[in-house]
Amino acid sequence: MEKRILTCEQVRSIDKRAVDEYEMPSIILMENAGRSAADLIRADYDKLAVKRVAVFAGPGNNGGDGFVIARHLHNAGWRVRVILTVAESQLKGDAQTNYRIIRHAAIPIETVDVADGTLKWTELVVDALLGTGFSGEVRSPLDELIDKINDSGKPVIAVDTPSGLDCQTGWPARSAIRASMTVTFVAIKSGLVEQTAQGYVGNVVTADIGVPKELIDKVAAGGS
């Protein structure tokens, strides 16, 4: 894809207009995002000996993307564990739907209290904890979890933006994921190219989620 840089607000506008004006169901956008991210992960990490991956998922759409990634890697023969950082009751909308799908599949779903063992087990971490709406500081217990992921020494794939990094300003919280690769959707968010973000984003790649090019072009040009 073209390396287009847009603000977080522009990308949110594209997502909303894709649903409202172009009649794209939001769950299709989530499916496309997760599948594209899984394909990029496989392209870069298919050389792993055992292909063990741990997907750390939060409550929002970022977590929903993580559930889709988990399903597609599982279908590709990877050994997948999902670490759900919130109660099931906190999952809503498309994220809840995709959680229900993986719950019916043979994908282990774990809680944060076993994260230490899972980080020893895995070869690769997918960070689907906090999405592009994050700003400020990461609250407990996620701040401790992010520190554990960073300290594990395992390569980390961040979904859309590394958790703990403000995608608008590029400013990291005290606890922020240091990713090996960031798979961002629609366009590179402007904060990801700021100097303050460079120790956190790793290799930034853009994944297609199926939004019509005309809509992206309109918003990029400032048009309606």
C-alpha atoms as a PDB file:
ATOM      1  CA  MET A   1       0.000   0.000   0.000  1.00  0.00           C
ATOM      2  CA  GLU A   2       0.918   3.646  -0.463  1.00  0.00           C
ATOM      3  CA  LYS A   3       2.686   5.070   2.610  1.00  0.00           C
ATOM      4  CA  ARG A   4       0.094   7.733   3.335  1.00  0.00           C
ATOM      5  CA  ILE A   5       0.300   9.621   6.650  1.00  0.00           C
ATOM      6  CA  LEU A   6      -2.935  10.878   8.230  1.00  0.00           C
ATOM      7  CA  THR A   7      -3.927  12.072  11.675  1.00  0.00           C
ATOM      8  CA  CYS A   8      -5.813   9.776  14.023  1.00  0.00           C
ATOM      9  CA  GLU A   9      -8.875  12.000  13.632  1.00  0.00           C
ATOM     10  CA  GLN A  10      -8.758  11.630   9.850  1.00  0.00           C
ATOM     11  CA  VAL A  11      -8.592   7.851  10.098  1.00  0.00           C
ATOM     12  CA  ARG A  12     -11.464   7.793  12.599  1.00  0.00           C
ATOM     13  CA  SER A  13     -13.463   9.893  10.143  1.00  0.00           C
ATOM     14  CA  ILE A  14     -12.687   7.416   7.365  1.00  0.00           C
ATOM     15  CA  ASP A  15     -13.830   4.498   9.529  1.00  0.00           C
ATOM     16  CA  LYS A  16     -17.065   6.254  10.479  1.00  0.00           C
ATOM     17  CA  ARG A  17     -17.864   7.371   6.950  1.00  0.00           C
ATOM     18  CA  ALA A  18     -17.125   3.901   5.572  1.00  0.00           C
ATOM     19  CA  VAL A  19     -19.899   2.606   7.826  1.00  0.00           C
ATOM     20  CA  ASP A  20     -22.344   5.525   7.599  1.00  0.00           C
ATOM     21  CA  GLU A  21     -21.970   6.611   3.978  1.00  0.00           C
ATOM     22  CA  TYR A  22     -20.468   3.635   2.151  1.00  0.00           C
ATOM     23  CA  GLU A  23     -22.629   1.100   4.015  1.00  0.00           C
ATOM     24  CA  MET A  24     -19.702  -1.106   5.045  1.00  0.00           C
ATOM     25  CA  PRO A  25     -20.603  -3.125   8.171  1.00  0.00           C
ATOM     26  CA  SER A  26     -18.073  -2.365  10.881  1.00  0.00           C
ATOM     27  CA  ILE A  27     -17.515  -6.048  11.529  1.00  0.00           C
ATOM     28  CA  ILE A  28     -16.234  -6.417   7.946  1.00  0.00           C
ATOM     29  CA  LEU A  29     -13.704  -3.656   8.610  1.00  0.00           C
ATOM     30  CA  MET A  30     -12.566  -5.508  11.746  1.00  0.00           C
ATOM     31  CA  GLU A  31     -12.347  -8.805   9.875  1.00  0.00           C
ATOM     32  CA  ASN A  32     -10.307  -7.215   7.089  1.00  0.00           C
ATOM     33  CA  ALA A  33      -8.004  -5.514   9.604  1.00  0.00           C
ATOM     34  CA  GLY A  34      -7.344  -8.693  11.554  1.00  0.00           C
ATOM     35  CA  ARG A  35      -6.884 -10.883   8.521  1.00  0.00           C
ATOM     36  CA  SER A  36      -4.505  -8.400   6.865  1.00  0.00           C
ATOM     37  CA  ALA A  37      -2.487  -8.136  10.073  1.00  0.00           C
ATOM     38  CA  ALA A  38      -2.322 -11.932  10.384  1.00  0.00           C
ATOM     39  CA  ASP A  39      -1.074 -12.184   6.797  1.00  0.00           C
ATOM     40  CA  LEU A  40       1.685  -9.646   7.509  1.00  0.00           C
ATOM     41  CA  ILE A  41       2.671 -11.489  10.678  1.00  0.00           C
ATOM     42  CA  ARG A  42       2.880 -14.761   8.792  1.00  0.00           C
ATOM     43  CA  ALA A  43       4.959 -13.159   6.042  1.00  0.00           C
ATOM     44  CA  ASP A  44       7.524 -11.874   8.540  1.00  0.00           C
ATOM     45  CA  TYR A  45       7.524 -14.650  11.145  1.00  0.00           C
ATOM     46  CA  ASP A  46       6.702 -17.872   9.316  1.00  0.00           C
ATOM     47  CA  LYS A  47      10.331 -18.872   9.913  1.00  0.00           C
ATOM     48  CA  LEU A  48       9.674 -19.361  13.637  1.00  0.00           C
ATOM     49  CA  ALA A  49      10.438 -22.926  14.631  1.00  0.00           C
ATOM     50  CA  VAL A  50       7.237 -23.751  16.523  1.00  0.00           C
ATOM     51  CA  LYS A  51       5.070 -20.734  15.667  1.00  0.00           C
ATOM     52  CA  ARG A  52       3.802 -20.003  19.181  1.00  0.00           C
ATOM     53  CA  VAL A  53       2.022 -16.663  19.558  1.00  0.00           C
ATOM     54  CA  ALA A  54       0.356 -14.938  22.494  1.00  0.00           C
ATOM     55  CA  VAL A  55      -2.314 -12.344  21.705  1.00  0.00           C
ATOM     56  CA  PHE A  56      -2.869  -9.843  24.532  1.00  0.00           C
ATOM     57  CA  ALA A  57      -6.329  -8.338  24.063  1.00  0.00           C
ATOM     58  CA  GLY A  58      -8.062  -5.384  25.692  1.00  0.00           C
ATOM     59  CA  PRO A  59     -11.774  -4.512  25.762  1.00  0.00           C
ATOM     60  CA  GLY A  60     -12.194  -2.312  22.671  1.00  0.00           C
ATOM     61  CA  ASN A  61     -11.935  -2.691  18.922  1.00  0.00           C
ATOM     62  CA  ASN A  62      -8.171  -3.129  19.257  1.00  0.00           C
ATOM     63  CA  GLY A  63      -8.875  -6.282  21.248  1.00  0.00           C
ATOM     64  CA  GLY A  64     -11.423  -7.305  18.626  1.00  0.00           C
ATOM     65  CA  ASP A  65      -8.739  -7.008  15.946  1.00  0.00           C
ATOM     66  CA  GLY A  66      -6.591  -9.237  18.157  1.00  0.00           C
ATOM     67  CA  PHE A  67      -9.300 -11.912  18.292  1.00  0.00           C
ATOM     68  CA  VAL A  68      -9.485 -11.943  14.490  1.00  0.00           C
ATOM     69  CA  ILE A  69      -5.685 -12.189  14.257  1.00  0.00           C
ATOM     70  CA  ALA A  70      -5.729 -15.087  16.714  1.00  0.00           C
ATOM     71  CA  ARG A  71      -8.326 -16.953  14.654  1.00  0.00           C
ATOM     72  CA  HIS A  72      -6.485 -16.570  11.366  1.00  0.00           C
ATOM     73  CA  LEU A  73      -3.115 -17.580  12.838  1.00  0.00           C
ATOM     74  CA  HIS A  74      -4.825 -20.567  14.481  1.00  0.00           C
ATOM     75  CA  ASN A  75      -6.338 -21.524  11.127  1.00  0.00           C
ATOM     76  CA  ALA A  76      -2.868 -21.295   9.573  1.00  0.00           C
ATOM     77  CA  GLY A  77      -1.557 -23.889  12.009  1.00  0.00           C
ATOM     78  CA  TRP A  78       0.054 -21.623  14.593  1.00  0.00           C
ATOM     79  CA  ARG A  79      -0.188 -22.434  18.304  1.00  0.00           C
ATOM     80  CA  VAL A  80      -2.160 -19.513  19.716  1.00  0.00           C
ATOM     81  CA  ARG A  81      -3.061 -18.354  23.199  1.00  0.00           C
ATOM     82  CA  VAL A  82      -5.260 -15.332  23.887  1.00  0.00           C
ATOM     83  CA  ILE A  83      -4.769 -13.375  27.107  1.00  0.00           C
ATOM     84  CA  LEU A  84      -7.958 -11.452  27.854  1.00  0.00           C
ATOM     85  CA  THR A  85      -7.202  -8.523  30.141  1.00  0.00           C
ATOM     86  CA  VAL A  86     -10.804  -7.689  31.045  1.00  0.00           C
ATOM     87  CA  ALA A  87     -13.934  -9.557  32.082  1.00  0.00           C
ATOM     88  CA  GLU A  88     -15.933 -11.026  29.204  1.00  0.00           C
ATOM     89  CA  SER A  89     -18.834  -8.775  30.209  1.00  0.00           C
ATOM     90  CA  GLN A  90     -16.781  -5.707  29.242  1.00  0.00           C
ATOM     91  CA  LEU A  91     -16.578  -6.786  25.596  1.00  0.00           C
ATOM     92  CA  LYS A  92     -19.084  -5.039  23.339  1.00  0.00           C
ATOM     93  CA  GLY A  93     -20.191  -5.001  19.714  1.00  0.00           C
ATOM     94  CA  ASP A  94     -17.868  -6.420  17.064  1.00  0.00           C
ATOM     95  CA  ALA A  95     -15.178  -7.249  19.622  1.00  0.00           C
ATOM     96  CA  GLN A  96     -17.647  -9.346  21.597  1.00  0.00           C
ATOM     97  CA  THR A  97     -18.768 -11.131  18.404  1.00  0.00           C
ATOM     98  CA  ASN A  98     -15.212 -12.053  17.482  1.00  0.00           C
ATOM     99  CA  TYR A  99     -14.494 -13.150  21.036  1.00  0.00           C
ATOM    100  CA  ARG A 100     -17.457 -15.529  20.888  1.00  0.00           C
ATOM    101  CA  ILE A 101     -16.084 -17.003  17.660  1.00  0.00           C
ATOM    102  CA  ILE A 102     -12.667 -17.804  19.127  1.00  0.00           C
ATOM    103  CA  ARG A 103     -14.287 -19.108  22.320  1.00  0.00           C
ATOM    104  CA  HIS A 104     -15.928 -21.835  20.189  1.00  0.00           C
ATOM    105  CA  ALA A 105     -12.604 -22.639  18.488  1.00  0.00           C
ATOM    106  CA  ALA A 106      -9.792 -24.627  20.081  1.00  0.00           C
ATOM    107  CA  ILE A 107      -7.919 -21.480  21.105  1.00  0.00           C
ATOM    108  CA  PRO A 108      -6.965 -21.271  24.803  1.00  0.00           C
ATOM    109  CA  ILE A 109      -8.203 -18.071  26.444  1.00  0.00           C
ATOM    110  CA  GLU A 110      -6.283 -17.087  29.562  1.00  0.00           C
ATOM    111  CA  THR A 111      -6.343 -14.381  32.210  1.00  0.00           C
ATOM    112  CA  VAL A 112      -3.605 -11.926  33.084  1.00  0.00           C
ATOM    113  CA  ASP A 113      -2.543 -13.837  36.197  1.00  0.00           C
ATOM    114  CA  VAL A 114      -0.846 -16.467  34.006  1.00  0.00           C
ATOM    115  CA  ALA A 115       0.896 -13.909  31.784  1.00  0.00           C
ATOM    116  CA  ASP A 116       4.362 -14.743  33.156  1.00  0.00           C
ATOM    117  CA  GLY A 117       4.090 -18.366  32.067  1.00  0.00           C
ATOM    118  CA  THR A 118       2.595 -17.440  28.708  1.00  0.00           C
ATOM    119  CA  LEU A 119       5.421 -14.998  27.991  1.00  0.00           C
ATOM    120  CA  LYS A 120       7.930 -17.778  28.655  1.00  0.00           C
ATOM    121  CA  TRP A 121       5.968 -20.142  26.376  1.00  0.00           C
ATOM    122  CA  THR A 122       5.459 -17.857  23.387  1.00  0.00           C
ATOM    123  CA  GLU A 123       7.817 -16.987  20.557  1.00  0.00           C
ATOM    124  CA  LEU A 124       5.880 -13.886  19.509  1.00  0.00           C
ATOM    125  CA  VAL A 125       3.548 -11.382  21.196  1.00  0.00           C
ATOM    126  CA  VAL A 126       0.644  -9.537  19.569  1.00  0.00           C
ATOM    127  CA  ASP A 127      -0.203  -6.305  21.384  1.00  0.00           C
ATOM    128  CA  ALA A 128      -3.944  -5.649  21.006  1.00  0.00           C
ATOM    129  CA  LEU A 129      -4.378  -3.953  24.380  1.00  0.00           C
ATOM    130  CA  LEU A 130      -4.991  -0.246  23.761  1.00  0.00           C
ATOM    131  CA  GLY A 131      -5.930   1.356  20.482  1.00  0.00           C
ATOM    132  CA  THR A 132      -5.648   4.741  18.823  1.00  0.00           C
ATOM    133  CA  GLY A 133      -7.931   6.416  21.358  1.00  0.00           C
ATOM    134  CA  PHE A 134      -5.313   6.174  24.102  1.00  0.00           C
ATOM    135  CA  SER A 135      -3.705   9.244  25.673  1.00  0.00           C
ATOM    136  CA  GLY A 136      -2.172  10.055  29.036  1.00  0.00           C
ATOM    137  CA  GLU A 137      -0.802   7.293  31.268  1.00  0.00           C
ATOM    138  CA  VAL A 138      -1.550   3.574  31.326  1.00  0.00           C
ATOM    139  CA  ARG A 139      -3.337   2.534  34.482  1.00  0.00           C
ATOM    140  CA  SER A 140      -2.698  -0.519  36.638  1.00  0.00           C
ATOM    141  CA  PRO A 141      -2.632  -3.445  35.996  1.00  0.00           C
ATOM    142  CA  LEU A 142      -1.981  -2.830  32.282  1.00  0.00           C
ATOM    143  CA  ASP A 143       1.127  -0.762  32.994  1.00  0.00           C
ATOM    144  CA  GLU A 144       2.717  -3.706  34.818  1.00  0.00           C
ATOM    145  CA  LEU A 145       1.665  -6.058  32.012  1.00  0.00           C
ATOM    146  CA  ILE A 146       3.224  -3.821  29.349  1.00  0.00           C
ATOM    147  CA  ASP A 147       6.458  -3.728  31.336  1.00  0.00           C
ATOM    148  CA  LYS A 148       6.450  -7.542  31.540  1.00  0.00           C
ATOM    149  CA  ILE A 149       5.919  -7.836  27.778  1.00  0.00           C
ATOM    150  CA  ASN A 150       8.812  -5.460  27.124  1.00  0.00           C
ATOM    151  CA  ASP A 151      11.048  -7.297  29.598  1.00  0.00           C
ATOM    152  CA  SER A 152      10.258 -10.689  28.023  1.00  0.00           C
ATOM    153  CA  GLY A 153      12.621 -10.057  25.134  1.00  0.00           C
ATOM    154  CA  LYS A 154      10.067 -11.538  22.701  1.00  0.00           C
ATOM    155  CA  PRO A 155       9.311  -9.736  19.424  1.00  0.00           C
ATOM    156  CA  VAL A 156       6.084  -7.755  19.679  1.00  0.00           C
ATOM    157  CA  ILE A 157       3.626  -6.920  16.898  1.00  0.00           C
ATOM    158  CA  ALA A 158       1.556  -3.856  17.802  1.00  0.00           C
ATOM    159  CA  VAL A 159      -1.945  -3.651  16.360  1.00  0.00           C
ATOM    160  CA  ASP A 160      -2.613  -0.176  14.880  1.00  0.00           C
ATOM    161  CA  THR A 161      -0.391   1.578  17.461  1.00  0.00           C
ATOM    162  CA  PRO A 162       1.804   0.340  20.317  1.00  0.00           C
ATOM    163  CA  SER A 163      -0.186   0.331  23.552  1.00  0.00           C
ATOM    164  CA  GLY A 164       0.767   3.319  25.664  1.00  0.00           C
ATOM    165  CA  LEU A 165       1.756   5.479  22.694  1.00  0.00           C
ATOM    166  CA  ASP A 166      -0.411   8.471  21.814  1.00  0.00           C
ATOM    167  CA  CYS A 167      -0.940   8.018  18.077  1.00  0.00           C
ATOM    168  CA  GLN A 168      -1.752  11.696  17.608  1.00  0.00           C
ATOM    169  CA  THR A 169       1.308  13.205  19.306  1.00  0.00           C
ATOM    170  CA  GLY A 170       3.725  10.267  19.269  1.00  0.00           C
ATOM    171  CA  TRP A 171       4.282  10.745  22.995  1.00  0.00           C
ATOM    172  CA  PRO A 172       4.814   7.517  25.006  1.00  0.00           C
ATOM    173  CA  ALA A 173       3.399   6.888  28.461  1.00  0.00           C
ATOM    174  CA  ARG A 174       5.740   5.734  31.218  1.00  0.00           C
ATOM    175  CA  SER A 175       4.706   2.188  30.281  1.00  0.00           C
ATOM    176  CA  ALA A 176       4.463   1.762  26.505  1.00  0.00           C
ATOM    177  CA  ILE A 177       4.977  -1.244  24.263  1.00  0.00           C
ATOM    178  CA  ARG A 178       8.284  -1.340  22.415  1.00  0.00           C
ATOM    179  CA  ALA A 179       7.203  -3.084  19.237  1.00  0.00           C
ATOM    180  CA  SER A 180       9.277  -4.867  16.631  1.00  0.00           C
ATOM    181  CA  MET A 181       6.581  -4.091  14.078  1.00  0.00           C
ATOM    182  CA  THR A 182       3.465  -1.936  14.100  1.00  0.00           C
ATOM    183  CA  VAL A 183       0.673  -3.001  11.745  1.00  0.00           C
ATOM    184  CA  THR A 184      -1.434   0.115  11.305  1.00  0.00           C
ATOM    185  CA  PHE A 185      -4.696   0.349   9.364  1.00  0.00           C
ATOM    186  CA  VAL A 186      -5.818   2.608   6.479  1.00  0.00           C
ATOM    187  CA  ALA A 187      -2.816   4.959   6.825  1.00  0.00           C
ATOM    188  CA  ILE A 188       0.200   5.593   9.011  1.00  0.00           C
ATOM    189  CA  LYS A 189      -0.960   7.699  11.938  1.00  0.00           C
ATOM    190  CA  SER A 190       0.972  10.960  12.187  1.00  0.00           C
ATOM    191  CA  GLY A 191       2.177  10.262  15.720  1.00  0.00           C
ATOM    192  CA  LEU A 192       3.917   7.080  14.619  1.00  0.00           C
ATOM    193  CA  VAL A 193       6.475   9.047  12.613  1.00  0.00           C
ATOM    194  CA  GLU A 194       7.309  11.528  15.391  1.00  0.00           C
ATOM    195  CA  GLN A 195      10.821  11.301  16.806  1.00  0.00           C
ATOM    196  CA  THR A 196       9.460  10.480  20.276  1.00  0.00           C
ATOM    197  CA  ALA A 197       7.776   7.346  18.863  1.00  0.00           C
ATOM    198  CA  GLN A 198      10.804   5.856  17.156  1.00  0.00           C
ATOM    199  CA  GLY A 199      11.893   3.670  20.077  1.00  0.00           C
ATOM    200  CA  TYR A 200       8.412   2.142  20.250  1.00  0.00           C
ATOM    201  CA  VAL A 201       6.948   1.525  16.789  1.00  0.00           C
ATOM    202  CA  GLY A 202       9.586  -0.659  15.120  1.00  0.00           C
ATOM    203  CA  ASN A 203       8.896  -1.311  11.447  1.00  0.00           C
ATOM    204  CA  VAL A 204       5.616   0.405  10.561  1.00  0.00           C
ATOM    205  CA  VAL A 205       3.506  -1.255   7.860  1.00  0.00           C
ATOM    206  CA  THR A 206       0.054  -0.272   6.614  1.00  0.00           C
ATOM    207  CA  ALA A 207      -2.640  -2.918   6.204  1.00  0.00           C
ATOM    208  CA  ASP A 208      -5.596  -2.585   3.845  1.00  0.00           C
ATOM    209  CA  ILE A 209      -9.023  -2.987   5.468  1.00  0.00           C
ATOM    210  CA  GLY A 210     -11.066  -2.618   2.298  1.00  0.00           C
ATOM    211  CA  VAL A 211     -12.152   1.018   2.637  1.00  0.00           C
ATOM    212  CA  PRO A 212     -12.773   2.469  -0.841  1.00  0.00           C
ATOM    213  CA  LYS A 213      -9.803   4.469  -2.083  1.00  0.00           C
ATOM    214  CA  GLU A 214     -12.078   7.363  -3.047  1.00  0.00           C
ATOM    215  CA  LEU A 215     -13.069   7.898   0.579  1.00  0.00           C
ATOM    216  CA  ILE A 216      -9.459   7.874   1.790  1.00  0.00           C
ATOM    217  CA  ASP A 217      -8.501  10.327  -0.947  1.00  0.00           C
ATOM    218  CA  LYS A 218     -11.364  12.675  -0.019  1.00  0.00           C
ATOM    219  CA  VAL A 219     -10.487  12.786   3.664  1.00  0.00           C
ATOM    220  CA  ALA A 220      -6.755  13.123   2.947  1.00  0.00           C
ATOM    221  CA  ALA A 221      -7.489  16.096   0.717  1.00  0.00           C
ATOM    222  CA  GLY A 222      -9.668  17.695   3.391  1.00  0.00           C
ATOM    223  CA  GLY A 223     -12.812  17.265   1.330  1.00  0.00           C
ATOM    224  CA  SER A 224     -16.303  16.126   2.276  1.00  0.00           C
END
